[in-house]
Amino acid sequence: MHTLYSLALRFCCPFSQLRRSSPPPQPLIPPSVPASGASTPWCICGMEKEREDEETEGRERPEPLTDVERGIIQDTWARVYESCEDVGITILIRFFVNFPSAKQYFSQFQDMEDPEEMEKSSQLRKHARRVMNAINTVVENLHDPEKVSSVLGLVGKAHALKYKVEPMYFKILSGVILEVLAEDFGECFTPEVQTSWTKLMAALYWYITGAYTEPINIPPLQAAIQMSSVRWHAPNPPPPTPHTQKEPNNP
């Protein structure tokens, strides 16, 4: 059974040299992924939907949540969300302390090293609320696959196109989220709860990073500008062959 950090590092081998300043939690059960080519229906909400394209550039869809697992997630999240800001801050501080290279995407606290300084940062608190509210939207809409897909798709596109965040950071952040929840709410984070949340995090990761493999649609105006640029840099045609002027005949 893999720990959360070993799962993160297995998917993100460039981070094997990064430091860890806190001991790992009790191992959580990793998400099981159905075998490729299986014909069982799949959906993040457990609704009936035939799997069409099991793999998109090597990406396998995660195992679906059952009705029981969705109920477990919503019940435990209700307790977590009561102190969502504190939990969110704990998650981000641990994320940045253990994986400092992630701070490259946050200029406002890029140079912060001290966890206490991070905790006082209004920008970090703002982003922590944003992360927790996004999870809350997903948990509240586990019965609505279209809403979940839309929310996570927007998150993925923003981070892929605007912020240029490497997708491996979502895998690492998922592990940190599970780790903090297991430590702060250990009395209710039973193996069954851990399994449910691990499956949810796998589904969130799959949806968010799907934006990194989608083709980018170029607006017509931008496409026209690019085409004019291509024509501008096209090789010049060969110069015309000069005409030989005949000498006039002498009378």
C-alpha atoms as a PDB file:
ATOM      1  CA  MET A   1       0.000   0.000   0.000  1.00  0.00           C
ATOM      2  CA  HIS A   2       1.446   3.331  -1.042  1.00  0.00           C
ATOM      3  CA  THR A   3       1.573   6.432   1.078  1.00  0.00           C
ATOM      4  CA  LEU A   4       0.222   9.653  -0.348  1.00  0.00           C
ATOM      5  CA  TYR A   5       3.684  11.036  -0.889  1.00  0.00           C
ATOM      6  CA  SER A   6       4.890   7.894  -2.646  1.00  0.00           C
ATOM      7  CA  LEU A   7       1.852   8.121  -4.912  1.00  0.00           C
ATOM      8  CA  ALA A   8       2.628  11.750  -5.657  1.00  0.00           C
ATOM      9  CA  LEU A   9       6.289  11.089  -6.335  1.00  0.00           C
ATOM     10  CA  ARG A  10       5.504   8.046  -8.467  1.00  0.00           C
ATOM     11  CA  PHE A  11       3.529  10.261 -10.814  1.00  0.00           C
ATOM     12  CA  CYS A  12       5.856  13.235 -10.457  1.00  0.00           C
ATOM     13  CA  CYS A  13       9.367  11.838 -10.634  1.00  0.00           C
ATOM     14  CA  PRO A  14      11.048  15.280 -11.109  1.00  0.00           C
ATOM     15  CA  PHE A  15      10.099  16.058  -7.504  1.00  0.00           C
ATOM     16  CA  SER A  16      11.968  13.163  -5.969  1.00  0.00           C
ATOM     17  CA  GLN A  17      14.597  15.606  -4.776  1.00  0.00           C
ATOM     18  CA  LEU A  18      12.153  17.906  -2.967  1.00  0.00           C
ATOM     19  CA  ARG A  19      12.259  17.968   0.804  1.00  0.00           C
ATOM     20  CA  ARG A  20       9.603  16.865   3.249  1.00  0.00           C
ATOM     21  CA  SER A  21       9.516  18.541   6.592  1.00  0.00           C
ATOM     22  CA  SER A  22       6.651  16.619   8.160  1.00  0.00           C
ATOM     23  CA  PRO A  23       6.246  12.899   8.805  1.00  0.00           C
ATOM     24  CA  PRO A  24       3.924  10.989   6.473  1.00  0.00           C
ATOM     25  CA  PRO A  25       0.447  10.114   7.739  1.00  0.00           C
ATOM     26  CA  GLN A  26      -1.034   6.669   7.933  1.00  0.00           C
ATOM     27  CA  PRO A  27      -1.234   5.196   4.430  1.00  0.00           C
ATOM     28  CA  LEU A  28      -4.425   5.870   2.544  1.00  0.00           C
ATOM     29  CA  ILE A  29      -5.908   3.370   0.143  1.00  0.00           C
ATOM     30  CA  PRO A  30      -4.950   4.374  -3.412  1.00  0.00           C
ATOM     31  CA  PRO A  31      -7.731   4.688  -5.990  1.00  0.00           C
ATOM     32  CA  SER A  32      -8.297   1.584  -8.015  1.00  0.00           C
ATOM     33  CA  VAL A  33      -8.507   2.059 -11.748  1.00  0.00           C
ATOM     34  CA  PRO A  34     -10.535  -0.306 -13.933  1.00  0.00           C
ATOM     35  CA  ALA A  35      -8.652  -2.344 -16.465  1.00  0.00           C
ATOM     36  CA  SER A  36      -8.315  -0.851 -19.915  1.00  0.00           C
ATOM     37  CA  GLY A  37     -10.960  -2.008 -22.344  1.00  0.00           C
ATOM     38  CA  ALA A  38     -13.533  -2.831 -19.657  1.00  0.00           C
ATOM     39  CA  SER A  39     -17.117  -2.145 -20.663  1.00  0.00           C
ATOM     40  CA  THR A  40     -18.614  -1.199 -17.311  1.00  0.00           C
ATOM     41  CA  PRO A  41     -20.435   2.156 -17.164  1.00  0.00           C
ATOM     42  CA  TRP A  42     -18.563   5.051 -15.616  1.00  0.00           C
ATOM     43  CA  CYS A  43     -19.257   8.483 -14.260  1.00  0.00           C
ATOM     44  CA  ILE A  44     -17.965  10.538 -11.342  1.00  0.00           C
ATOM     45  CA  CYS A  45     -21.491  10.494  -9.909  1.00  0.00           C
ATOM     46  CA  GLY A  46     -22.148   6.810 -10.542  1.00  0.00           C
ATOM     47  CA  MET A  47     -24.824   7.542 -13.137  1.00  0.00           C
ATOM     48  CA  GLU A  48     -25.270   5.192 -16.079  1.00  0.00           C
ATOM     49  CA  LYS A  49     -23.001   6.193 -18.922  1.00  0.00           C
ATOM     50  CA  GLU A  50     -21.153   3.895 -21.292  1.00  0.00           C
ATOM     51  CA  ARG A  51     -17.457   4.442 -21.384  1.00  0.00           C
ATOM     52  CA  GLU A  52     -16.484   5.678 -24.825  1.00  0.00           C
ATOM     53  CA  ASP A  53     -12.711   6.361 -25.161  1.00  0.00           C
ATOM     54  CA  GLU A  54     -11.328   4.728 -22.055  1.00  0.00           C
ATOM     55  CA  GLU A  55      -7.975   6.334 -22.647  1.00  0.00           C
ATOM     56  CA  THR A  56      -7.187   9.833 -23.840  1.00  0.00           C
ATOM     57  CA  GLU A  57      -3.487   9.952 -24.551  1.00  0.00           C
ATOM     58  CA  GLY A  58      -2.843   7.281 -21.935  1.00  0.00           C
ATOM     59  CA  ARG A  59      -5.238   8.737 -19.345  1.00  0.00           C
ATOM     60  CA  GLU A  60      -7.558   6.161 -17.811  1.00  0.00           C
ATOM     61  CA  ARG A  61     -10.807   7.216 -16.214  1.00  0.00           C
ATOM     62  CA  PRO A  62     -10.908   6.582 -12.455  1.00  0.00           C
ATOM     63  CA  GLU A  63     -13.264   4.178 -10.753  1.00  0.00           C
ATOM     64  CA  PRO A  64     -16.785   5.557 -10.200  1.00  0.00           C
ATOM     65  CA  LEU A  65     -18.151   6.585  -6.840  1.00  0.00           C
ATOM     66  CA  THR A  66     -20.986   4.495  -5.480  1.00  0.00           C
ATOM     67  CA  ASP A  67     -24.081   5.967  -3.853  1.00  0.00           C
ATOM     68  CA  VAL A  68     -22.698   4.972  -0.452  1.00  0.00           C
ATOM     69  CA  GLU A  69     -19.351   6.641  -1.156  1.00  0.00           C
ATOM     70  CA  ARG A  70     -21.010   9.857  -2.291  1.00  0.00           C
ATOM     71  CA  GLY A  71     -22.973   9.917   0.964  1.00  0.00           C
ATOM     72  CA  ILE A  72     -19.801   9.313   2.985  1.00  0.00           C
ATOM     73  CA  ILE A  73     -18.010  12.166   1.226  1.00  0.00           C
ATOM     74  CA  GLN A  74     -20.850  14.614   1.753  1.00  0.00           C
ATOM     75  CA  ASP A  75     -21.246  13.667   5.424  1.00  0.00           C
ATOM     76  CA  THR A  76     -17.550  14.066   6.243  1.00  0.00           C
ATOM     77  CA  TRP A  77     -17.225  17.231   4.166  1.00  0.00           C
ATOM     78  CA  ALA A  78     -20.020  18.889   6.143  1.00  0.00           C
ATOM     79  CA  ARG A  79     -17.802  18.637   9.199  1.00  0.00           C
ATOM     80  CA  VAL A  80     -14.647  19.751   7.371  1.00  0.00           C
ATOM     81  CA  TYR A  81     -16.351  22.772   5.843  1.00  0.00           C
ATOM     82  CA  GLU A  82     -17.288  24.136   9.261  1.00  0.00           C
ATOM     83  CA  SER A  83     -13.641  25.231   9.575  1.00  0.00           C
ATOM     84  CA  CYS A  84     -12.907  25.473   5.857  1.00  0.00           C
ATOM     85  CA  GLU A  85     -10.581  28.488   6.043  1.00  0.00           C
ATOM     86  CA  ASP A  86      -8.322  26.970   8.706  1.00  0.00           C
ATOM     87  CA  VAL A  87      -8.216  23.633   6.890  1.00  0.00           C
ATOM     88  CA  GLY A  88      -7.508  25.331   3.566  1.00  0.00           C
ATOM     89  CA  ILE A  89      -4.646  27.348   5.037  1.00  0.00           C
ATOM     90  CA  THR A  90      -3.149  24.212   6.599  1.00  0.00           C
ATOM     91  CA  ILE A  91      -3.329  22.455   3.227  1.00  0.00           C
ATOM     92  CA  LEU A  92      -1.636  25.265   1.291  1.00  0.00           C
ATOM     93  CA  ILE A  93       1.075  25.875   3.888  1.00  0.00           C
ATOM     94  CA  ARG A  94       2.010  22.199   3.930  1.00  0.00           C
ATOM     95  CA  PHE A  95       1.894  22.122   0.128  1.00  0.00           C
ATOM     96  CA  PHE A  96       4.280  25.074  -0.209  1.00  0.00           C
ATOM     97  CA  VAL A  97       6.588  24.033   2.638  1.00  0.00           C
ATOM     98  CA  ASN A  98       6.980  20.455   1.435  1.00  0.00           C
ATOM     99  CA  PHE A  99       7.037  21.357  -2.259  1.00  0.00           C
ATOM    100  CA  PRO A 100       8.481  24.896  -2.417  1.00  0.00           C
ATOM    101  CA  SER A 101       8.831  24.848  -6.199  1.00  0.00           C
ATOM    102  CA  ALA A 102       5.032  25.191  -6.378  1.00  0.00           C
ATOM    103  CA  LYS A 103       5.421  28.779  -5.140  1.00  0.00           C
ATOM    104  CA  GLN A 104       6.756  29.795  -8.548  1.00  0.00           C
ATOM    105  CA  TYR A 105       3.140  30.312  -9.636  1.00  0.00           C
ATOM    106  CA  PHE A 106       2.351  32.681  -6.745  1.00  0.00           C
ATOM    107  CA  SER A 107       4.429  35.840  -6.958  1.00  0.00           C
ATOM    108  CA  GLN A 108       2.671  37.402  -3.947  1.00  0.00           C
ATOM    109  CA  PHE A 109       4.180  34.889  -1.506  1.00  0.00           C
ATOM    110  CA  GLN A 110       6.890  33.344  -3.654  1.00  0.00           C
ATOM    111  CA  ASP A 111       9.666  34.371  -1.271  1.00  0.00           C
ATOM    112  CA  MET A 112       7.946  33.298   1.943  1.00  0.00           C
ATOM    113  CA  GLU A 113       9.721  30.498   3.796  1.00  0.00           C
ATOM    114  CA  ASP A 114       8.280  30.706   7.311  1.00  0.00           C
ATOM    115  CA  PRO A 115       4.918  28.919   7.794  1.00  0.00           C
ATOM    116  CA  GLU A 116       3.854  31.603  10.288  1.00  0.00           C
ATOM    117  CA  GLU A 117       4.484  34.283   7.692  1.00  0.00           C
ATOM    118  CA  MET A 118       2.436  32.315   5.157  1.00  0.00           C
ATOM    119  CA  GLU A 119      -0.403  31.975   7.638  1.00  0.00           C
ATOM    120  CA  LYS A 120      -0.607  35.760   7.977  1.00  0.00           C
ATOM    121  CA  SER A 121      -0.687  36.322   4.223  1.00  0.00           C
ATOM    122  CA  SER A 122      -4.057  37.645   3.063  1.00  0.00           C
ATOM    123  CA  GLN A 123      -3.337  36.399  -0.450  1.00  0.00           C
ATOM    124  CA  LEU A 124      -2.695  32.873   0.772  1.00  0.00           C
ATOM    125  CA  ARG A 125      -5.890  32.947   2.820  1.00  0.00           C
ATOM    126  CA  LYS A 126      -7.797  34.141  -0.227  1.00  0.00           C
ATOM    127  CA  HIS A 127      -6.469  31.300  -2.356  1.00  0.00           C
ATOM    128  CA  ALA A 128      -7.166  28.795   0.427  1.00  0.00           C
ATOM    129  CA  ARG A 129     -10.821  29.870   0.446  1.00  0.00           C
ATOM    130  CA  ARG A 130     -10.892  29.532  -3.330  1.00  0.00           C
ATOM    131  CA  VAL A 131      -9.597  25.954  -3.169  1.00  0.00           C
ATOM    132  CA  MET A 132     -12.022  24.942  -0.427  1.00  0.00           C
ATOM    133  CA  ASN A 133     -14.981  26.564  -2.186  1.00  0.00           C
ATOM    134  CA  ALA A 134     -14.154  24.691  -5.383  1.00  0.00           C
ATOM    135  CA  ILE A 135     -14.140  21.388  -3.489  1.00  0.00           C
ATOM    136  CA  ASN A 136     -17.381  22.389  -1.785  1.00  0.00           C
ATOM    137  CA  THR A 137     -19.048  23.024  -5.154  1.00  0.00           C
ATOM    138  CA  VAL A 138     -17.999  19.581  -6.354  1.00  0.00           C
ATOM    139  CA  VAL A 139     -19.164  17.807  -3.187  1.00  0.00           C
ATOM    140  CA  GLU A 140     -22.523  19.588  -3.221  1.00  0.00           C
ATOM    141  CA  ASN A 141     -23.086  18.586  -6.853  1.00  0.00           C
ATOM    142  CA  LEU A 142     -21.962  14.968  -6.864  1.00  0.00           C
ATOM    143  CA  HIS A 143     -25.431  14.142  -8.197  1.00  0.00           C
ATOM    144  CA  ASP A 144     -24.954  16.520 -11.163  1.00  0.00           C
ATOM    145  CA  PRO A 145     -22.188  15.304 -13.511  1.00  0.00           C
ATOM    146  CA  GLU A 146     -22.616  18.208 -15.925  1.00  0.00           C
ATOM    147  CA  LYS A 147     -22.040  20.768 -13.156  1.00  0.00           C
ATOM    148  CA  VAL A 148     -19.007  18.899 -11.835  1.00  0.00           C
ATOM    149  CA  SER A 149     -17.510  18.574 -15.313  1.00  0.00           C
ATOM    150  CA  SER A 150     -18.093  22.261 -16.036  1.00  0.00           C
ATOM    151  CA  VAL A 151     -16.576  23.508 -12.769  1.00  0.00           C
ATOM    152  CA  LEU A 152     -13.472  21.336 -12.961  1.00  0.00           C
ATOM    153  CA  GLY A 153     -13.062  21.992 -16.676  1.00  0.00           C
ATOM    154  CA  LEU A 154     -12.893  25.729 -16.007  1.00  0.00           C
ATOM    155  CA  VAL A 155     -10.358  25.173 -13.232  1.00  0.00           C
ATOM    156  CA  GLY A 156      -8.223  23.043 -15.533  1.00  0.00           C
ATOM    157  CA  LYS A 157      -8.328  25.475 -18.455  1.00  0.00           C
ATOM    158  CA  ALA A 158      -7.450  28.445 -16.258  1.00  0.00           C
ATOM    159  CA  HIS A 159      -4.429  26.674 -14.805  1.00  0.00           C
ATOM    160  CA  ALA A 160      -3.342  25.176 -18.132  1.00  0.00           C
ATOM    161  CA  LEU A 161      -3.731  28.205 -20.396  1.00  0.00           C
ATOM    162  CA  LYS A 162      -3.539  31.261 -18.137  1.00  0.00           C
ATOM    163  CA  TYR A 163      -1.296  30.236 -15.258  1.00  0.00           C
ATOM    164  CA  LYS A 164       0.733  27.535 -17.085  1.00  0.00           C
ATOM    165  CA  VAL A 165       0.736  25.253 -14.032  1.00  0.00           C
ATOM    166  CA  GLU A 166       2.329  21.847 -14.531  1.00  0.00           C
ATOM    167  CA  PRO A 167      -0.381  19.170 -14.092  1.00  0.00           C
ATOM    168  CA  MET A 168       1.814  17.154 -11.727  1.00  0.00           C
ATOM    169  CA  TYR A 169       1.140  19.749  -9.018  1.00  0.00           C
ATOM    170  CA  PHE A 170      -2.526  18.743  -8.946  1.00  0.00           C
ATOM    171  CA  LYS A 171      -1.494  15.178  -8.140  1.00  0.00           C
ATOM    172  CA  ILE A 172       0.710  16.398  -5.301  1.00  0.00           C
ATOM    173  CA  LEU A 173      -1.938  18.777  -3.961  1.00  0.00           C
ATOM    174  CA  SER A 174      -4.495  15.950  -3.965  1.00  0.00           C
ATOM    175  CA  GLY A 175      -2.187  13.932  -1.735  1.00  0.00           C
ATOM    176  CA  VAL A 176      -1.679  16.862   0.633  1.00  0.00           C
ATOM    177  CA  ILE A 177      -5.443  17.416   0.901  1.00  0.00           C
ATOM    178  CA  LEU A 178      -6.027  13.782   1.827  1.00  0.00           C
ATOM    179  CA  GLU A 179      -3.150  13.859   4.284  1.00  0.00           C
ATOM    180  CA  VAL A 180      -4.458  16.926   6.135  1.00  0.00           C
ATOM    181  CA  LEU A 181      -8.021  15.609   6.267  1.00  0.00           C
ATOM    182  CA  ALA A 182      -6.810  12.287   7.680  1.00  0.00           C
ATOM    183  CA  GLU A 183      -4.739  14.035  10.366  1.00  0.00           C
ATOM    184  CA  ASP A 184      -7.221  16.737  11.379  1.00  0.00           C
ATOM    185  CA  PHE A 185     -10.311  14.521  11.267  1.00  0.00           C
ATOM    186  CA  GLY A 186      -8.750  11.181  12.108  1.00  0.00           C
ATOM    187  CA  GLU A 187     -11.571  10.009  14.357  1.00  0.00           C
ATOM    188  CA  CYS A 188     -14.019  10.016  11.444  1.00  0.00           C
ATOM    189  CA  PHE A 189     -11.521   9.308   8.657  1.00  0.00           C
ATOM    190  CA  THR A 190     -11.906   5.532   8.726  1.00  0.00           C
ATOM    191  CA  PRO A 191     -10.450   3.321   5.966  1.00  0.00           C
ATOM    192  CA  GLU A 192     -13.846   3.406   4.237  1.00  0.00           C
ATOM    193  CA  VAL A 193     -13.875   7.202   4.333  1.00  0.00           C
ATOM    194  CA  GLN A 194     -10.278   7.324   3.130  1.00  0.00           C
ATOM    195  CA  THR A 195     -11.116   5.111   0.172  1.00  0.00           C
ATOM    196  CA  SER A 196     -14.078   7.298  -0.800  1.00  0.00           C
ATOM    197  CA  TRP A 197     -12.075  10.510  -0.628  1.00  0.00           C
ATOM    198  CA  THR A 198      -9.125   9.011  -2.489  1.00  0.00           C
ATOM    199  CA  LYS A 199     -11.444   8.000  -5.321  1.00  0.00           C
ATOM    200  CA  LEU A 200     -12.925  11.502  -5.389  1.00  0.00           C
ATOM    201  CA  MET A 201      -9.475  13.102  -5.563  1.00  0.00           C
ATOM    202  CA  ALA A 202      -8.552  10.777  -8.439  1.00  0.00           C
ATOM    203  CA  ALA A 203     -11.683  11.861 -10.309  1.00  0.00           C
ATOM    204  CA  LEU A 204     -10.988  15.555  -9.661  1.00  0.00           C
ATOM    205  CA  TYR A 205      -7.440  15.144 -10.922  1.00  0.00           C
ATOM    206  CA  TRP A 206      -8.699  13.393 -14.062  1.00  0.00           C
ATOM    207  CA  TYR A 207     -11.217  16.121 -14.869  1.00  0.00           C
ATOM    208  CA  ILE A 208      -8.886  19.054 -14.157  1.00  0.00           C
ATOM    209  CA  THR A 209      -5.911  17.716 -16.083  1.00  0.00           C
ATOM    210  CA  GLY A 210      -8.156  16.793 -19.002  1.00  0.00           C
ATOM    211  CA  ALA A 211      -7.889  20.435 -20.075  1.00  0.00           C
ATOM    212  CA  TYR A 212      -4.183  19.876 -20.708  1.00  0.00           C
ATOM    213  CA  THR A 213      -4.940  17.374 -23.490  1.00  0.00           C
ATOM    214  CA  GLU A 214      -7.791  19.252 -25.180  1.00  0.00           C
ATOM    215  CA  PRO A 215      -7.072  20.956 -28.516  1.00  0.00           C
ATOM    216  CA  ILE A 216      -7.014  24.726 -28.302  1.00  0.00           C
ATOM    217  CA  ASN A 217      -9.613  26.358 -30.550  1.00  0.00           C
ATOM    218  CA  ILE A 218      -8.187  29.485 -32.154  1.00  0.00           C
ATOM    219  CA  PRO A 219     -10.725  32.293 -32.752  1.00  0.00           C
ATOM    220  CA  PRO A 220     -11.184  33.214 -36.446  1.00  0.00           C
ATOM    221  CA  LEU A 221      -9.622  36.665 -36.039  1.00  0.00           C
ATOM    222  CA  GLN A 222      -6.566  35.247 -34.287  1.00  0.00           C
ATOM    223  CA  ALA A 223      -6.291  32.536 -36.940  1.00  0.00           C
ATOM    224  CA  ALA A 224      -6.400  35.181 -39.682  1.00  0.00           C
ATOM    225  CA  ILE A 225      -3.643  37.143 -37.949  1.00  0.00           C
ATOM    226  CA  GLN A 226      -1.526  34.021 -37.667  1.00  0.00           C
ATOM    227  CA  MET A 227      -2.089  33.196 -41.341  1.00  0.00           C
ATOM    228  CA  SER A 228      -1.101  36.713 -42.390  1.00  0.00           C
ATOM    229  CA  SER A 229       2.016  36.323 -40.271  1.00  0.00           C
ATOM    230  CA  VAL A 230       2.811  33.076 -42.042  1.00  0.00           C
ATOM    231  CA  ARG A 231       2.377  34.727 -45.424  1.00  0.00           C
ATOM    232  CA  TRP A 232       4.547  37.635 -44.335  1.00  0.00           C
ATOM    233  CA  HIS A 233       7.414  35.311 -43.487  1.00  0.00           C
ATOM    234  CA  ALA A 234       6.995  33.155 -46.571  1.00  0.00           C
ATOM    235  CA  PRO A 235      10.050  32.918 -48.823  1.00  0.00           C
ATOM    236  CA  ASN A 236      10.195  35.623 -51.435  1.00  0.00           C
ATOM    237  CA  PRO A 237       9.481  34.433 -54.966  1.00  0.00           C
ATOM    238  CA  PRO A 238      12.470  34.329 -57.302  1.00  0.00           C
ATOM    239  CA  PRO A 239      13.057  37.583 -59.138  1.00  0.00           C
ATOM    240  CA  PRO A 240      11.734  37.706 -62.691  1.00  0.00           C
ATOM    241  CA  THR A 241      14.155  36.864 -65.425  1.00  0.00           C
ATOM    242  CA  PRO A 242      15.375  40.149 -66.939  1.00  0.00           C
ATOM    243  CA  HIS A 243      14.336  40.686 -70.538  1.00  0.00           C
ATOM    244  CA  THR A 244      17.184  41.047 -72.960  1.00  0.00           C
ATOM    245  CA  GLN A 245      16.760  44.260 -74.872  1.00  0.00           C
ATOM    246  CA  LYS A 246      17.519  43.913 -78.536  1.00  0.00           C
ATOM    247  CA  GLU A 247      19.929  46.432 -79.990  1.00  0.00           C
ATOM    248  CA  PRO A 248      18.353  48.512 -82.694  1.00  0.00           C
ATOM    249  CA  ASN A 249      19.467  47.674 -86.227  1.00  0.00           C
ATOM    250  CA  ASN A 250      21.802  50.219 -87.732  1.00  0.00           C
ATOM    251  CA  PRO A 251      20.340  51.856 -90.780  1.00  0.00           C
END
